[in-house]
Amino acid sequence: MALTQRLEFRQTQSLVMTPQLMQAIKLLQLSNLDLSTFVEDELERNPLLERASDGPEAPVAGEPSPERSDYERADDYASGSDGGGDGSDFAERGDSRFDAPAPEDWINNDLGSRSEIEQTFDTGLDNVFSEEPSETAARNAQDAAPTAYTEWGGGASNDDDYNLEAFVAAEVTLGDHLAEQLAVAFTSQAQRMIGQYLIDLVDEAGYLPADLGDVGDKLGASSDDVALVLTTLQTFDPPGVCARNLSECLAIQLREQDRYDPAMQALIENLDLLAKRDVVSLRKLCGVDDEDLTDMIGEIRRLDPKPGLKFGVSRAQTVVPDVYVRPGPDGGWHVELNSDTLPRVLVNQTYYSELSKTIRKDGDKSYFSDCMQNATWLVRALDQRARTILKVSTEIVRQQDGFFTQGVAHLRPLNLKAVADAIQMHESTVSRVTANKYMATNRGIFELKYFFTASIASADGGEAHSAEAVRHHIKQLIDGESPSAILSDDTIVERLRETGIDIARRTVAKYREAMRIPSSVQRRRDKQSMLGNALKAPSTPSERTSSEKSPDRSRDTASA
């Protein structure tokens, strides 16, 4: 074969990722909050974009004009005019409500002498008017309820600007609460600076970092000064705050209750043994019997391991669903988008046409042409995004009809490919649509990815089971076990195979750990301990009274 040079024309197809296409893909996977932020940025950047509600709204027929308030219309009626009329129609009707004199008429009228006035009232003026009218008027004005929002100190406002949230008290944070106590506890400016620095290090649970060795170097203070301030901070409210670990937090609370004796100190210093429920070792270390050890453990359980959570923290954002699923009248399901999460933007064509007539510079023409193109693209991309979300959600509801009708036990195994083939889209598109999107159903709010679960084979060769349904079945088995017959992972595997679910033991262990369910050994200890405490508790009031009065001799011996 000879090697020669030649020119050829070849026609091929390839996907070109334009900037608009890349941003459209990005829009598809944004959550409703991120989408709102993106649209707000575009509205500030693009002069041809505007919100759908920015334009003037035409008044509805039959309703009064919003520019004129009810008080102004009442004044028109009182003055005998109706939106600019001369009021002659009221005079013809003879309505007595509109025969009132002008406001200045009563001032010009002569009331007559004192005797004439008393004859008119048929009594003396002393019985009609108070001796001290100024004091009475001031008292009445003071007792009267405020008639306007401004009298409450809220500033000038009208009914449209009235907001109940303005009266809600601000939530006190843990840092503010500690700072108020710091101003009272210390008089030295240096100690206040150290204390404020330590308060800034306290996390939401009320804990300080375990290592505070570099605090003195950063502030130029000695370690003794830092330790002195820290000791004072640990006496602040709530008890247990500013601790560096759990043991110190519990010890602070016990000192506050005057219950930190040597036996309790030994228990606090060996919390790892308490977590393992090594009662024998704890009893030897504390020097108490089983009854006293049970009481000590009960006291620790009543303490607060995270005292800082009592105060205001940053609020978690409530999940706003993108799709609503409601039962339909025909027995099916009605799927609709949440219109509150869809930004409404329009392209101002009128403004663009006016600018096109006046612009002469090429740079300005190019700028506004790009703005017009971007605005048109954004409106189309938002519409396409909404249609795609609705299409994918509708197919998910169709595939998982058993879940909506009968619950999580009937959740079918589903993957992206099944949905993509049904709606004739690519799997990557379905994956982007289901990211950060939520669906409100009759069984709660779920992320769209929740409905895509792996399949587990059936033991009898029938239809496969959803992994989420198997997790639910495992949880039901564990919740229904008795303290005397704890189910091991092997027993759970046998129970599941009896119901037609073929699953391995390691898979059961993985699902159990994912649901934060302890092992069978730990569950047996917990349930037997709870059962023992219930049996030891006094059942009658007399028994409870006698148990409260009985002295704690072993604790007293340990304290001595």
Protein backbone atom coordinates (compact mmCIF):
# COMPACT_ATOMS: atom_id res chain seq x y z
CA MET A 1 0.00 0.00 0.00
CA ALA A 2 1.49 3.32 -1.09
CA LEU A 3 1.74 6.18 1.38
CA THR A 4 0.41 9.31 -0.22
CA GLN A 5 -0.98 12.66 0.94
CA ARG A 6 -4.55 13.60 0.04
CA LEU A 7 -7.42 15.80 1.19
CA GLU A 8 -10.73 14.25 2.27
CA PHE A 9 -14.06 15.58 3.55
CA ARG A 10 -15.65 13.59 6.35
CA GLN A 11 -18.98 14.27 8.01
CA THR A 12 -19.21 13.25 11.67
CA GLN A 13 -21.51 14.02 14.58
CA SER A 14 -20.19 15.16 17.94
CA LEU A 15 -21.67 16.83 20.97
CA VAL A 16 -20.40 20.38 21.45
CA MET A 17 -20.67 21.55 25.06
CA THR A 18 -21.57 25.20 24.65
CA PRO A 19 -21.62 27.46 27.72
CA GLN A 20 -25.42 27.51 27.58
CA LEU A 21 -25.61 23.72 27.52
CA MET A 22 -23.17 23.43 30.41
CA GLN A 23 -25.21 25.86 32.50
CA ALA A 24 -28.44 24.05 31.58
CA ILE A 25 -26.94 20.83 32.92
CA LYS A 26 -25.89 22.69 36.03
CA LEU A 27 -29.39 24.09 36.50
CA LEU A 28 -30.86 20.61 36.32
CA GLN A 29 -29.05 19.36 39.41
CA LEU A 30 -29.45 22.49 41.56
CA SER A 31 -31.75 22.41 44.57
CA ASN A 32 -34.56 24.93 44.86
CA LEU A 33 -32.51 27.13 47.22
CA ASP A 34 -29.46 27.12 44.96
CA LEU A 35 -31.68 27.78 41.96
CA SER A 36 -33.23 30.82 43.65
CA THR A 37 -29.76 32.18 44.39
CA PHE A 38 -28.67 31.63 40.79
CA VAL A 39 -31.75 33.39 39.41
CA GLU A 40 -31.28 36.33 41.78
CA ASP A 41 -27.73 36.77 40.52
CA GLU A 42 -28.95 36.70 36.93
CA LEU A 43 -31.62 39.31 37.68
CA GLU A 44 -28.97 41.65 39.06
CA ARG A 45 -26.61 40.99 36.18
CA ASN A 46 -29.03 41.08 33.22
CA PRO A 47 -31.09 44.28 32.69
CA LEU A 48 -33.49 42.52 30.30
CA LEU A 49 -34.64 40.01 32.92
CA GLU A 50 -37.41 40.80 35.37
CA ARG A 51 -39.61 38.93 37.78
CA ALA A 52 -43.04 37.98 36.64
CA SER A 53 -44.59 39.91 39.54
CA ASP A 54 -42.57 43.12 38.99
CA GLY A 55 -45.00 44.62 36.49
CA PRO A 56 -48.01 46.72 37.54
CA GLU A 57 -51.10 44.69 38.27
CA ALA A 58 -54.39 45.86 36.84
CA PRO A 59 -57.15 46.35 39.41
CA VAL A 60 -59.78 43.66 39.44
CA ALA A 61 -63.19 44.71 38.26
CA GLY A 62 -65.59 45.44 41.12
CA GLU A 63 -62.85 46.17 43.67
CA PRO A 64 -61.84 49.67 44.84
CA SER A 65 -58.64 51.18 43.59
CA PRO A 66 -55.68 50.35 45.83
CA GLU A 67 -54.45 53.94 45.73
CA ARG A 68 -57.42 55.10 47.80
CA SER A 69 -57.74 53.75 51.30
CA ASP A 70 -60.96 53.00 53.13
CA TYR A 71 -60.52 56.13 55.22
CA GLU A 72 -60.28 58.30 52.13
CA ARG A 73 -63.45 56.75 50.69
CA ALA A 74 -65.21 57.31 54.03
CA ASP A 75 -64.15 60.96 53.93
CA ASP A 76 -65.60 61.24 50.43
CA TYR A 77 -68.90 59.85 51.61
CA ALA A 78 -68.90 62.10 54.68
CA SER A 79 -68.22 65.16 52.53
CA GLY A 80 -70.94 64.19 50.13
CA SER A 81 -68.72 63.20 47.21
CA ASP A 82 -68.18 59.84 45.55
CA GLY A 83 -64.88 59.77 43.80
CA GLY A 84 -65.05 63.37 42.63
CA GLY A 85 -68.82 63.97 42.43
CA ASP A 86 -70.44 67.14 43.71
CA GLY A 87 -72.59 65.35 46.29
CA SER A 88 -75.91 66.52 44.90
CA ASP A 89 -77.21 62.98 44.70
CA PHE A 90 -77.01 62.65 48.48
CA ALA A 91 -78.93 65.86 48.93
CA GLU A 92 -81.66 64.53 46.65
CA ARG A 93 -81.88 61.27 48.59
CA GLY A 94 -82.31 63.13 51.86
CA ASP A 95 -79.97 60.91 53.81
CA SER A 96 -79.59 62.39 57.29
CA ARG A 97 -76.16 60.83 57.77
CA PHE A 98 -74.67 63.43 55.44
CA ASP A 99 -76.34 66.48 57.02
CA ALA A 100 -73.58 66.95 59.60
CA PRO A 101 -72.17 70.47 59.84
CA ALA A 102 -68.70 71.35 58.72
CA PRO A 103 -65.94 70.84 61.31
CA GLU A 104 -65.53 74.56 61.89
CA ASP A 105 -69.26 75.34 62.32
CA TRP A 106 -69.44 74.37 66.01
CA ILE A 107 -66.51 76.65 66.79
CA ASN A 108 -68.22 79.71 65.35
CA ASN A 109 -71.54 79.04 67.13
CA ASP A 110 -72.25 81.10 70.27
CA LEU A 111 -73.04 78.77 73.17
CA GLY A 112 -74.63 81.48 75.25
CA SER A 113 -74.24 82.40 78.89
CA ARG A 114 -73.72 80.01 81.82
CA SER A 115 -77.36 80.07 82.83
CA GLU A 116 -78.48 79.29 79.29
CA ILE A 117 -76.08 76.37 79.10
CA GLU A 118 -77.29 75.00 82.48
CA GLN A 119 -80.87 75.35 81.31
CA THR A 120 -79.99 73.38 78.18
CA PHE A 121 -78.41 70.52 80.17
CA ASP A 122 -81.09 70.73 82.87
CA THR A 123 -78.37 70.61 85.54
CA GLY A 124 -75.38 72.55 86.78
CA LEU A 125 -72.12 72.68 84.92
CA ASP A 126 -70.33 71.30 88.00
CA ASN A 127 -72.24 68.03 87.54
CA VAL A 128 -71.45 67.86 83.84
CA PHE A 129 -67.76 68.78 83.76
CA SER A 130 -65.05 67.72 86.18
CA GLU A 131 -63.36 70.12 88.57
CA GLU A 132 -59.96 69.23 87.09
CA PRO A 133 -60.49 68.52 83.41
CA SER A 134 -56.80 68.52 82.57
CA GLU A 135 -55.98 65.76 85.07
CA THR A 136 -58.96 63.66 84.01
CA ALA A 137 -58.08 63.99 80.36
CA ALA A 138 -54.47 63.03 81.03
CA ARG A 139 -55.55 59.98 83.08
CA ASN A 140 -57.96 58.82 80.40
CA ALA A 141 -55.34 59.22 77.72
CA GLN A 142 -52.86 57.22 79.79
CA ASP A 143 -55.32 54.37 80.45
CA ALA A 144 -56.51 54.17 76.88
CA ALA A 145 -55.12 51.37 74.72
CA PRO A 146 -52.85 52.35 71.86
CA THR A 147 -54.81 52.98 68.69
CA ALA A 148 -51.93 52.81 66.25
CA TYR A 149 -48.87 50.70 65.71
CA THR A 150 -46.66 53.76 66.22
CA GLU A 151 -47.77 54.08 69.87
CA TRP A 152 -46.11 50.76 70.63
CA GLY A 153 -42.77 52.20 69.53
CA GLY A 154 -42.74 50.30 66.26
CA GLY A 155 -42.27 53.29 64.02
CA ALA A 156 -44.55 54.62 61.34
CA SER A 157 -46.42 51.87 59.60
CA ASN A 158 -49.68 50.99 57.96
CA ASP A 159 -51.70 47.81 57.73
CA ASP A 160 -49.78 46.61 54.69
CA ASP A 161 -46.41 46.76 56.48
CA TYR A 162 -47.68 45.18 59.71
CA ASN A 163 -45.54 42.15 60.49
CA LEU A 164 -46.08 39.90 63.49
CA GLU A 165 -42.49 38.67 63.26
CA ALA A 166 -41.37 42.11 64.45
CA PHE A 167 -42.74 41.24 67.92
CA VAL A 168 -40.93 37.89 68.21
CA ALA A 169 -38.11 37.96 70.75
CA ALA A 170 -34.63 37.21 69.48
CA GLU A 171 -33.35 33.78 70.38
CA VAL A 172 -30.55 33.91 72.93
CA THR A 173 -27.48 31.96 71.85
CA LEU A 174 -25.10 30.14 74.17
CA GLY A 175 -22.33 32.66 73.47
CA ASP A 176 -24.56 35.61 74.41
CA HIS A 177 -25.69 33.86 77.59
CA LEU A 178 -22.10 33.18 78.67
CA ALA A 179 -20.98 36.70 77.74
CA GLU A 180 -23.61 38.21 80.04
CA GLN A 181 -22.30 36.15 82.96
CA LEU A 182 -18.71 37.00 82.04
CA ALA A 183 -19.36 40.71 82.48
CA VAL A 184 -20.49 40.08 86.06
CA ALA A 185 -17.93 37.45 87.04
CA PHE A 186 -14.76 39.43 86.24
CA THR A 187 -13.73 43.01 86.83
CA SER A 188 -10.27 42.76 85.31
CA GLN A 189 -10.11 43.63 81.63
CA ALA A 190 -7.43 41.01 81.01
CA GLN A 191 -9.54 38.25 82.55
CA ARG A 192 -12.54 39.34 80.48
CA MET A 193 -10.46 39.11 77.31
CA ILE A 194 -9.33 35.59 78.21
CA GLY A 195 -12.87 34.58 79.10
CA GLN A 196 -14.33 35.97 75.87
CA TYR A 197 -11.68 34.16 73.86
CA LEU A 198 -12.57 30.88 75.56
CA ILE A 199 -16.30 31.52 75.06
CA ASP A 200 -15.69 31.95 71.34
CA LEU A 201 -14.13 28.48 71.30
CA VAL A 202 -17.21 26.80 72.85
CA ASP A 203 -19.13 24.69 70.34
CA GLU A 204 -22.90 24.26 70.09
CA ALA A 205 -22.90 21.40 72.62
CA GLY A 206 -21.11 23.57 75.20
CA TYR A 207 -17.65 21.97 75.00
CA LEU A 208 -14.21 23.54 74.71
CA PRO A 209 -11.36 21.97 72.71
CA ALA A 210 -9.44 19.34 74.64
CA ASP A 211 -6.10 21.16 74.15
CA LEU A 212 -5.97 24.77 75.37
CA GLY A 213 -2.18 24.98 75.61
CA ASP A 214 -1.78 27.66 72.92
CA VAL A 215 -4.41 30.03 74.36
CA GLY A 216 -1.93 31.67 76.71
CA ASP A 217 0.63 32.13 73.94
CA LYS A 218 -1.88 33.77 71.62
CA LEU A 219 -3.18 36.15 74.28
CA GLY A 220 0.13 36.77 76.02
CA ALA A 221 -1.18 35.41 79.33
CA SER A 222 0.19 32.83 81.69
CA SER A 223 -1.25 29.33 81.93
CA ASP A 224 -2.30 30.03 85.54
CA ASP A 225 -4.45 32.96 84.42
CA VAL A 226 -6.08 30.86 81.72
CA ALA A 227 -6.75 28.04 84.21
CA LEU A 228 -8.25 30.50 86.72
CA VAL A 229 -10.61 31.95 84.12
CA LEU A 230 -11.54 28.48 82.88
CA THR A 231 -12.41 27.36 86.41
CA THR A 232 -14.77 30.33 86.74
CA LEU A 233 -16.34 29.71 83.35
CA GLN A 234 -17.15 26.15 84.36
CA THR A 235 -19.36 27.52 87.13
CA PHE A 236 -21.56 29.39 84.66
CA ASP A 237 -25.07 28.42 83.70
CA PRO A 238 -25.95 25.90 82.28
CA PRO A 239 -24.11 23.44 84.55
CA GLY A 240 -21.51 21.44 82.66
CA VAL A 241 -20.66 24.14 80.12
CA CYS A 242 -17.04 24.87 79.09
CA ALA A 243 -15.96 21.28 79.80
CA ARG A 244 -13.23 19.72 77.69
CA ASN A 245 -14.60 16.18 77.65
CA LEU A 246 -17.63 14.20 78.74
CA SER A 247 -16.15 13.15 82.09
CA GLU A 248 -15.43 16.74 83.04
CA CYS A 249 -18.91 17.82 81.94
CA LEU A 250 -20.59 15.21 84.12
CA ALA A 251 -18.27 15.98 87.03
CA ILE A 252 -19.18 19.68 86.91
CA GLN A 253 -22.88 18.86 87.05
CA LEU A 254 -22.40 16.45 89.94
CA ARG A 255 -20.44 19.07 91.91
CA GLU A 256 -23.30 21.47 91.30
CA GLN A 257 -25.64 18.91 92.91
CA ASP A 258 -23.15 18.09 95.69
CA ARG A 259 -23.02 14.46 94.59
CA TYR A 260 -19.39 14.18 93.51
CA ASP A 261 -18.08 11.83 96.20
CA PRO A 262 -15.13 9.40 95.80
CA ALA A 263 -17.39 6.57 94.60
CA MET A 264 -18.96 8.77 91.91
CA GLN A 265 -15.55 10.11 90.94
CA ALA A 266 -14.31 6.58 90.33
CA LEU A 267 -17.35 5.90 88.16
CA ILE A 268 -16.89 9.10 86.15
CA GLU A 269 -13.23 8.31 85.53
CA ASN A 270 -14.16 4.90 84.10
CA LEU A 271 -16.93 5.72 81.68
CA ASP A 272 -15.44 3.29 79.18
CA LEU A 273 -16.26 0.43 81.54
CA LEU A 274 -19.76 1.81 81.94
CA ALA A 275 -20.18 1.80 78.15
CA LYS A 276 -19.11 -1.83 78.09
CA ARG A 277 -21.47 -2.57 81.02
CA ASP A 278 -18.64 -4.12 82.99
CA VAL A 279 -20.54 -4.06 86.27
CA VAL A 280 -18.11 -6.31 88.11
CA SER A 281 -15.12 -4.02 87.51
CA LEU A 282 -17.11 -0.89 88.31
CA ARG A 283 -18.34 -2.34 91.57
CA LYS A 284 -14.76 -3.08 92.65
CA LEU A 285 -13.45 0.35 91.63
CA CYS A 286 -16.26 2.26 93.30
CA GLY A 287 -16.43 0.10 96.40
CA VAL A 288 -20.23 -0.16 96.41
CA ASP A 289 -22.79 -2.93 96.06
CA ASP A 290 -25.12 -3.59 93.13
CA GLU A 291 -27.96 -1.45 94.47
CA ASP A 292 -25.80 1.61 95.00
CA LEU A 293 -24.12 1.16 91.63
CA THR A 294 -27.55 1.07 89.96
CA ASP A 295 -28.50 4.32 91.72
CA MET A 296 -25.24 5.97 90.65
CA ILE A 297 -25.75 4.94 87.03
CA GLY A 298 -29.29 6.33 87.23
CA GLU A 299 -27.94 9.67 88.44
CA ILE A 300 -25.52 9.85 85.54
CA ARG A 301 -28.28 9.09 83.06
CA ARG A 302 -30.29 12.04 84.39
CA LEU A 303 -27.43 14.45 83.62
CA ASP A 304 -27.20 16.44 80.40
CA PRO A 305 -24.22 15.37 78.25
CA LYS A 306 -24.70 18.37 75.92
CA PRO A 307 -25.77 21.36 78.03
CA GLY A 308 -25.19 23.90 75.28
CA LEU A 309 -28.04 22.59 73.13
CA LYS A 310 -30.58 24.26 75.43
CA PHE A 311 -29.82 27.59 73.77
CA GLY A 312 -30.42 28.89 70.32
CA VAL A 313 -28.26 27.55 67.53
CA SER A 314 -28.35 27.98 63.79
CA ARG A 315 -31.67 26.63 62.62
CA ALA A 316 -31.74 23.79 60.19
CA GLN A 317 -33.34 24.69 56.92
CA THR A 318 -36.72 23.05 56.51
CA VAL A 319 -36.96 20.80 53.48
CA VAL A 320 -39.21 22.32 50.84
CA PRO A 321 -40.57 19.64 48.48
CA ASP A 322 -40.20 20.13 44.76
CA VAL A 323 -43.04 17.74 43.86
CA TYR A 324 -46.39 16.95 45.47
CA VAL A 325 -48.05 13.55 45.14
CA ARG A 326 -51.73 13.35 46.08
CA PRO A 327 -54.35 10.62 45.69
CA GLY A 328 -56.42 11.11 42.58
CA PRO A 329 -60.20 10.73 42.29
CA ASP A 330 -59.81 7.69 40.03
CA GLY A 331 -57.72 5.77 42.56
CA GLY A 332 -54.40 6.80 40.99
CA TRP A 333 -51.91 9.46 41.99
CA HIS A 334 -51.79 13.10 40.96
CA VAL A 335 -48.27 14.50 40.54
CA GLU A 336 -47.68 18.25 40.40
CA LEU A 337 -44.79 20.63 40.83
CA ASN A 338 -44.46 22.97 43.79
CA SER A 339 -44.98 26.34 42.16
CA ASP A 340 -43.38 28.13 45.13
CA THR A 341 -39.98 26.65 44.27
CA LEU A 342 -40.11 27.67 40.59
CA PRO A 343 -38.64 31.13 39.89
CA ARG A 344 -40.80 33.26 37.61
CA VAL A 345 -38.73 35.39 35.25
CA LEU A 346 -39.65 37.14 32.02
CA VAL A 347 -37.75 38.76 29.18
CA ASN A 348 -38.54 42.46 28.76
CA GLN A 349 -38.97 42.59 24.99
CA THR A 350 -40.32 46.14 25.04
CA TYR A 351 -37.25 47.50 26.79
CA TYR A 352 -34.97 45.70 24.35
CA SER A 353 -36.82 47.06 21.30
CA GLU A 354 -36.58 50.61 22.64
CA LEU A 355 -32.88 50.23 23.32
CA SER A 356 -32.26 48.82 19.84
CA LYS A 357 -33.58 52.03 18.29
CA THR A 358 -31.37 54.36 20.34
CA ILE A 359 -28.10 52.45 20.67
CA ARG A 360 -25.43 53.49 18.20
CA LYS A 361 -22.20 52.02 19.57
CA ASP A 362 -21.21 48.56 18.45
CA GLY A 363 -20.04 47.60 21.94
CA ASP A 364 -23.40 48.46 23.47
CA LYS A 365 -25.27 46.58 20.75
CA SER A 366 -23.17 43.49 21.36
CA TYR A 367 -23.72 43.72 25.11
CA PHE A 368 -27.49 43.95 24.90
CA SER A 369 -27.61 41.21 22.26
CA ASP A 370 -25.78 38.89 24.65
CA CYS A 371 -28.13 39.90 27.46
CA MET A 372 -31.11 39.12 25.26
CA GLN A 373 -29.70 35.74 24.30
CA ASN A 374 -28.87 34.83 27.90
CA ALA A 375 -32.28 35.95 29.14
CA THR A 376 -34.09 33.91 26.50
CA TRP A 377 -31.94 30.90 27.25
CA LEU A 378 -32.58 31.15 31.00
CA VAL A 379 -36.35 31.24 30.59
CA ARG A 380 -36.25 28.22 28.29
CA ALA A 381 -33.85 26.34 30.59
CA LEU A 382 -36.08 26.90 33.62
CA ASP A 383 -39.11 25.67 31.70
CA GLN A 384 -37.24 22.60 30.47
CA ARG A 385 -35.98 21.90 33.99
CA ALA A 386 -39.52 21.97 35.39
CA ARG A 387 -40.83 19.66 32.66
CA THR A 388 -38.00 17.18 33.19
CA ILE A 389 -38.53 17.04 36.95
CA LEU A 390 -42.25 16.45 36.46
CA LYS A 391 -41.63 13.71 33.89
CA VAL A 392 -39.12 11.85 36.08
CA SER A 393 -41.30 12.19 39.18
CA THR A 394 -44.35 10.87 37.37
CA GLU A 395 -42.45 7.80 36.21
CA ILE A 396 -41.12 7.18 39.75
CA VAL A 397 -44.66 7.30 41.12
CA ARG A 398 -45.82 4.88 38.44
CA GLN A 399 -42.99 2.45 39.17
CA GLN A 400 -43.41 2.64 42.97
CA ASP A 401 -47.19 2.53 43.14
CA GLY A 402 -47.04 -0.20 45.79
CA PHE A 403 -45.05 2.01 48.14
CA PHE A 404 -47.59 4.85 48.00
CA THR A 405 -50.49 2.46 48.44
CA GLN A 406 -49.25 -0.06 51.04
CA GLY A 407 -46.00 1.26 52.53
CA VAL A 408 -42.25 0.73 52.53
CA ALA A 409 -42.57 -3.05 52.67
CA HIS A 410 -43.80 -2.96 49.04
CA LEU A 411 -41.00 -0.75 47.70
CA ARG A 412 -39.74 -2.26 44.46
CA PRO A 413 -36.10 -2.37 43.35
CA LEU A 414 -35.51 0.43 40.88
CA ASN A 415 -32.48 1.84 39.04
CA LEU A 416 -31.81 4.88 36.90
CA LYS A 417 -31.78 2.91 33.67
CA ALA A 418 -35.36 1.69 34.12
CA VAL A 419 -36.65 5.24 34.53
CA ALA A 420 -34.43 6.62 31.75
CA ASP A 421 -35.65 3.99 29.26
CA ALA A 422 -39.28 4.62 30.17
CA ILE A 423 -39.09 8.38 29.58
CA GLN A 424 -36.51 8.13 26.75
CA MET A 425 -33.78 10.10 28.47
CA HIS A 426 -30.18 9.41 29.39
CA GLU A 427 -29.30 7.95 32.77
CA SER A 428 -27.10 10.95 33.59
CA THR A 429 -30.09 13.25 33.10
CA VAL A 430 -32.21 11.21 35.50
CA SER A 431 -29.35 11.19 37.99
CA ARG A 432 -29.10 14.99 37.89
CA VAL A 433 -32.85 15.42 38.23
CA THR A 434 -33.05 13.22 41.32
CA ALA A 435 -30.17 15.02 43.07
CA ASN A 436 -31.27 17.44 45.82
CA LYS A 437 -34.96 17.09 44.92
CA TYR A 438 -37.67 16.08 47.37
CA MET A 439 -41.16 14.64 46.98
CA ALA A 440 -44.01 15.20 49.44
CA THR A 441 -46.22 12.12 49.66
CA ASN A 442 -48.93 10.75 51.91
CA ARG A 443 -46.17 8.89 53.81
CA GLY A 444 -43.83 11.85 54.33
CA ILE A 445 -41.19 13.79 52.43
CA PHE A 446 -38.57 11.70 50.64
CA GLU A 447 -35.63 12.51 48.43
CA LEU A 448 -36.11 11.28 44.88
CA LYS A 449 -33.03 9.09 45.24
CA TYR A 450 -34.78 7.25 48.07
CA PHE A 451 -36.93 5.39 45.54
CA PHE A 452 -33.86 3.96 43.76
CA THR A 453 -32.74 0.90 45.73
CA ALA A 454 -30.73 -2.20 44.97
CA SER A 455 -32.46 -5.50 44.41
CA ILE A 456 -32.11 -8.60 46.58
CA ALA A 457 -32.88 -11.93 45.00
CA SER A 458 -35.86 -13.96 46.08
CA ALA A 459 -35.31 -17.33 47.74
CA ASP A 460 -38.01 -19.05 45.68
CA GLY A 461 -36.95 -17.51 42.37
CA GLY A 462 -39.79 -14.97 42.30
CA GLU A 463 -39.70 -11.19 42.05
CA ALA A 464 -36.68 -9.50 43.63
CA HIS A 465 -37.01 -7.47 46.81
CA SER A 466 -35.96 -3.89 47.41
CA ALA A 467 -33.05 -3.30 49.77
CA GLU A 468 -35.04 -0.65 51.64
CA ALA A 469 -37.92 -3.08 52.13
CA VAL A 470 -35.48 -5.67 53.50
CA ARG A 471 -34.09 -3.10 55.96
CA HIS A 472 -37.61 -2.37 57.10
CA HIS A 473 -38.25 -6.10 57.57
CA ILE A 474 -35.05 -6.49 59.62
CA LYS A 475 -36.02 -3.59 61.87
CA GLN A 476 -39.46 -5.09 62.44
CA LEU A 477 -37.93 -8.42 63.47
CA ILE A 478 -35.54 -6.77 65.93
CA ASP A 479 -38.22 -4.51 67.40
CA GLY A 480 -40.46 -7.51 68.01
CA GLU A 481 -37.87 -9.71 69.74
CA SER A 482 -38.26 -10.52 73.45
CA PRO A 483 -35.48 -9.98 76.05
CA SER A 484 -35.27 -13.73 76.59
CA ALA A 485 -34.94 -14.57 72.88
CA ILE A 486 -32.62 -12.07 71.17
CA LEU A 487 -32.27 -12.68 67.44
CA SER A 488 -28.75 -13.12 66.14
CA ASP A 489 -27.78 -12.24 62.58
CA ASP A 490 -27.91 -15.90 61.58
CA THR A 491 -31.41 -16.23 63.01
CA ILE A 492 -32.50 -13.12 61.11
CA VAL A 493 -31.14 -14.66 57.90
CA GLU A 494 -33.23 -17.78 58.51
CA ARG A 495 -36.36 -15.74 59.24
CA LEU A 496 -35.89 -13.73 56.06
CA ARG A 497 -35.41 -16.85 53.95
CA GLU A 498 -38.67 -18.19 55.33
CA THR A 499 -40.39 -15.12 53.89
CA GLY A 500 -38.69 -15.60 50.51
CA ILE A 501 -35.72 -13.21 50.87
CA ASP A 502 -32.32 -14.65 49.97
CA ILE A 503 -29.72 -12.61 51.84
CA ALA A 504 -26.26 -13.21 53.29
CA ARG A 505 -25.31 -12.76 56.92
CA ARG A 506 -22.81 -10.00 56.21
CA THR A 507 -25.54 -8.08 54.37
CA VAL A 508 -27.79 -8.33 57.41
CA ALA A 509 -24.95 -7.05 59.61
CA LYS A 510 -24.31 -4.17 57.19
CA TYR A 511 -27.97 -3.13 57.13
CA ARG A 512 -28.22 -3.43 60.92
CA GLU A 513 -25.17 -1.21 61.46
CA ALA A 514 -26.48 1.31 58.92
CA MET A 515 -29.67 1.60 61.00
CA ARG A 516 -27.51 2.01 64.15
CA ILE A 517 -28.87 -1.14 65.75
CA PRO A 518 -26.38 -2.78 68.15
CA SER A 519 -25.35 -6.41 67.98
CA SER A 520 -27.33 -9.20 69.57
CA VAL A 521 -24.94 -9.32 72.56
CA GLN A 522 -25.33 -5.61 73.25
CA ARG A 523 -29.11 -5.75 72.79
CA ARG A 524 -29.35 -8.63 75.25
CA ARG A 525 -27.42 -6.63 77.88
CA ASP A 526 -29.53 -3.53 77.35
CA LYS A 527 -32.88 -5.28 77.51
CA GLN A 528 -31.95 -7.39 80.51
CA SER A 529 -30.67 -4.29 82.31
CA MET A 530 -33.91 -2.45 81.58
CA LEU A 531 -35.91 -5.46 82.73
CA GLY A 532 -33.88 -5.71 85.95
CA ASN A 533 -34.41 -2.02 86.74
CA ALA A 534 -38.14 -2.41 86.17
CA LEU A 535 -38.28 -5.39 88.54
CA LYS A 536 -36.27 -3.58 91.24
CA ALA A 537 -38.47 -0.50 91.15
CA PRO A 538 -40.95 -0.36 94.11
CA SER A 539 -44.46 -1.10 92.94
CA THR A 540 -46.48 0.43 95.85
CA PRO A 541 -46.33 3.93 97.38
CA SER A 542 -45.29 2.49 100.74
CA GLU A 543 -42.38 0.64 99.17
CA ARG A 544 -41.28 3.78 97.32
CA THR A 545 -41.45 5.80 100.54
CA SER A 546 -39.39 3.27 102.48
CA SER A 547 -36.79 3.09 99.72
CA GLU A 548 -36.43 6.87 99.75
CA LYS A 549 -35.96 6.96 103.52
CA SER A 550 -33.42 4.12 103.67
CA PRO A 551 -29.88 5.45 104.24
CA ASP A 552 -27.17 4.95 101.65
CA ARG A 553 -24.70 3.30 104.00
CA SER A 554 -22.30 1.97 101.41
CA ARG A 555 -22.03 5.41 99.80
CA ASP A 556 -21.42 6.98 103.19
CA THR A 557 -18.68 4.44 103.89
CA ALA A 558 -17.05 5.16 100.55
CA SER A 559 -17.23 8.87 101.22
CA ALA A 560 -15.61 8.43 104.58
